[in-house]
Amino acid sequence: MGWYYYLQDTMQFPFTAVCISKRRGSLVKESTTVKVVGMAQEDECEREMFVEIDYDGDTLALPLIQLEAKEADAETQQAIADWHCWVNQGYEFG
């Protein structure tokens, strides 16, 4: 859960992000702007990191790997970049 606590402690919520990739079963389409309001519950993040977003009057969990936050503060942007780097290097939770 090290990643979970690093991201939770580093990212400053809320922030605006853009969906940069489509995922099967996701309601959020590529290029959609969303408001990220926090980390998803710990038990939802046991296999990958999810954040909660406000979406059409509801709160949804969305994989952090799908998001880019160019207008967030520098620490938030760096935390997201760190997560993307880790995933893109092929690492995953056991």
C-alpha atoms as a PDB file:
ATOM      1  CA  MET A   1       0.000   0.000   0.000  1.00  0.00           C
ATOM      2  CA  GLY A   2       3.049   2.245  -0.243  1.00  0.00           C
ATOM      3  CA  TRP A   3       1.878   3.683  -3.552  1.00  0.00           C
ATOM      4  CA  TYR A   4      -1.565   4.397  -2.130  1.00  0.00           C
ATOM      5  CA  TYR A   5      -0.235   6.417   0.798  1.00  0.00           C
ATOM      6  CA  TYR A   6       2.365   8.225  -1.334  1.00  0.00           C
ATOM      7  CA  LEU A   7      -0.315   9.342  -3.802  1.00  0.00           C
ATOM      8  CA  GLN A   8      -2.845  10.204  -1.098  1.00  0.00           C
ATOM      9  CA  ASP A   9      -0.302  12.282   0.831  1.00  0.00           C
ATOM     10  CA  THR A  10       1.206  14.001  -2.222  1.00  0.00           C
ATOM     11  CA  MET A  11      -1.700  14.850  -4.505  1.00  0.00           C
ATOM     12  CA  GLN A  12      -3.692  17.967  -3.626  1.00  0.00           C
ATOM     13  CA  PHE A  13      -7.430  17.359  -4.086  1.00  0.00           C
ATOM     14  CA  PRO A  14      -9.568  18.446  -5.811  1.00  0.00           C
ATOM     15  CA  PHE A  15      -7.927  18.945  -9.190  1.00  0.00           C
ATOM     16  CA  THR A  16      -8.971  18.851 -12.814  1.00  0.00           C
ATOM     17  CA  ALA A  17      -7.665  16.113 -15.082  1.00  0.00           C
ATOM     18  CA  VAL A  18      -8.176  14.875 -18.612  1.00  0.00           C
ATOM     19  CA  CYS A  19      -8.819  11.267 -19.547  1.00  0.00           C
ATOM     20  CA  ILE A  20      -5.926  10.293 -21.846  1.00  0.00           C
ATOM     21  CA  SER A  21      -7.026   6.758 -22.705  1.00  0.00           C
ATOM     22  CA  LYS A  22     -10.220   4.777 -23.131  1.00  0.00           C
ATOM     23  CA  ARG A  23     -10.786   1.652 -21.103  1.00  0.00           C
ATOM     24  CA  ARG A  24     -13.357  -1.031 -21.729  1.00  0.00           C
ATOM     25  CA  GLY A  25     -16.285  -0.664 -19.366  1.00  0.00           C
ATOM     26  CA  SER A  26     -15.417   2.912 -18.411  1.00  0.00           C
ATOM     27  CA  LEU A  27     -18.059   5.608 -18.723  1.00  0.00           C
ATOM     28  CA  VAL A  28     -15.362   8.256 -19.150  1.00  0.00           C
ATOM     29  CA  LYS A  29     -14.307   8.810 -22.730  1.00  0.00           C
ATOM     30  CA  GLU A  30     -10.879   9.902 -23.920  1.00  0.00           C
ATOM     31  CA  SER A  31     -10.390  13.717 -23.844  1.00  0.00           C
ATOM     32  CA  THR A  32     -13.086  14.149 -21.179  1.00  0.00           C
ATOM     33  CA  THR A  33     -12.210  16.606 -18.405  1.00  0.00           C
ATOM     34  CA  VAL A  34     -13.035  15.390 -14.902  1.00  0.00           C
ATOM     35  CA  LYS A  35     -12.767  16.707 -11.355  1.00  0.00           C
ATOM     36  CA  VAL A  36     -10.683  14.396  -9.168  1.00  0.00           C
ATOM     37  CA  VAL A  37     -11.886  14.614  -5.577  1.00  0.00           C
ATOM     38  CA  GLY A  38      -9.763  12.034  -3.767  1.00  0.00           C
ATOM     39  CA  MET A  39      -8.265   8.587  -3.691  1.00  0.00           C
ATOM     40  CA  ALA A  40     -10.635   5.638  -3.942  1.00  0.00           C
ATOM     41  CA  GLN A  41     -10.964   3.410  -0.876  1.00  0.00           C
ATOM     42  CA  GLU A  42      -7.874   1.367   0.002  1.00  0.00           C
ATOM     43  CA  ASP A  43      -9.555  -1.951  -0.836  1.00  0.00           C
ATOM     44  CA  GLU A  44     -10.244  -0.695  -4.382  1.00  0.00           C
ATOM     45  CA  CYS A  45      -6.530   0.016  -4.852  1.00  0.00           C
ATOM     46  CA  GLU A  46      -5.094  -3.398  -4.071  1.00  0.00           C
ATOM     47  CA  ARG A  47      -4.310  -4.169  -7.756  1.00  0.00           C
ATOM     48  CA  GLU A  48      -3.971  -0.654  -9.232  1.00  0.00           C
ATOM     49  CA  MET A  49      -4.465   2.935  -8.141  1.00  0.00           C
ATOM     50  CA  PHE A  50      -7.923   4.455  -8.506  1.00  0.00           C
ATOM     51  CA  VAL A  51      -9.062   7.996  -7.807  1.00  0.00           C
ATOM     52  CA  GLU A  52     -12.591   9.216  -7.236  1.00  0.00           C
ATOM     53  CA  ILE A  53     -14.079  11.665  -9.710  1.00  0.00           C
ATOM     54  CA  ASP A  54     -17.258  13.701  -9.832  1.00  0.00           C
ATOM     55  CA  TYR A  55     -19.083  12.439 -12.893  1.00  0.00           C
ATOM     56  CA  ASP A  56     -22.572  13.392 -13.978  1.00  0.00           C
ATOM     57  CA  GLY A  57     -23.757  13.944 -10.392  1.00  0.00           C
ATOM     58  CA  ASP A  58     -22.165  10.762  -9.089  1.00  0.00           C
ATOM     59  CA  THR A  59     -18.790   9.702  -7.695  1.00  0.00           C
ATOM     60  CA  LEU A  60     -16.903   7.103  -9.733  1.00  0.00           C
ATOM     61  CA  ALA A  61     -13.565   5.361  -9.264  1.00  0.00           C
ATOM     62  CA  LEU A  62     -11.264   5.779 -12.266  1.00  0.00           C
ATOM     63  CA  PRO A  63      -7.783   4.291 -12.765  1.00  0.00           C
ATOM     64  CA  LEU A  64      -5.153   6.968 -12.237  1.00  0.00           C
ATOM     65  CA  ILE A  65      -3.239   5.648 -15.263  1.00  0.00           C
ATOM     66  CA  GLN A  66      -6.042   7.060 -17.449  1.00  0.00           C
ATOM     67  CA  LEU A  67      -5.548  10.624 -16.242  1.00  0.00           C
ATOM     68  CA  GLU A  68      -3.275  13.562 -16.895  1.00  0.00           C
ATOM     69  CA  ALA A  69      -3.502  16.734 -14.802  1.00  0.00           C
ATOM     70  CA  LYS A  70      -1.625  19.553 -16.538  1.00  0.00           C
ATOM     71  CA  GLU A  71      -3.240  22.257 -14.405  1.00  0.00           C
ATOM     72  CA  ALA A  72      -2.707  20.600 -11.017  1.00  0.00           C
ATOM     73  CA  ASP A  73       0.065  21.763  -8.695  1.00  0.00           C
ATOM     74  CA  ALA A  74       3.610  20.544  -9.315  1.00  0.00           C
ATOM     75  CA  GLU A  75       3.541  17.893  -6.565  1.00  0.00           C
ATOM     76  CA  THR A  76       0.318  16.392  -7.895  1.00  0.00           C
ATOM     77  CA  GLN A  77       1.665  16.338 -11.438  1.00  0.00           C
ATOM     78  CA  GLN A  78       4.874  14.667 -10.247  1.00  0.00           C
ATOM     79  CA  ALA A  79       2.984  12.016  -8.260  1.00  0.00           C
ATOM     80  CA  ILE A  80       0.865  11.163 -11.313  1.00  0.00           C
ATOM     81  CA  ALA A  81       3.972  11.080 -13.513  1.00  0.00           C
ATOM     82  CA  ASP A  82       5.672   8.759 -10.997  1.00  0.00           C
ATOM     83  CA  TRP A  83       2.696   6.375 -11.126  1.00  0.00           C
ATOM     84  CA  HIS A  84       2.595   6.453 -14.935  1.00  0.00           C
ATOM     85  CA  CYS A  85       6.330   5.730 -15.095  1.00  0.00           C
ATOM     86  CA  TRP A  86       6.017   2.762 -12.719  1.00  0.00           C
ATOM     87  CA  VAL A  87       3.110   1.252 -14.676  1.00  0.00           C
ATOM     88  CA  ASN A  88       4.681   1.951 -18.084  1.00  0.00           C
ATOM     89  CA  GLN A  89       7.843   0.114 -17.011  1.00  0.00           C
ATOM     90  CA  GLY A  90       5.692  -2.998 -16.672  1.00  0.00           C
ATOM     91  CA  TYR A  91       5.512  -3.187 -12.897  1.00  0.00           C
ATOM     92  CA  GLU A  92       2.343  -4.407 -11.255  1.00  0.00           C
ATOM     93  CA  PHE A  93       1.086  -5.530  -7.882  1.00  0.00           C
ATOM     94  CA  GLY A  94       1.561  -9.212  -7.106  1.00  0.00           C
END
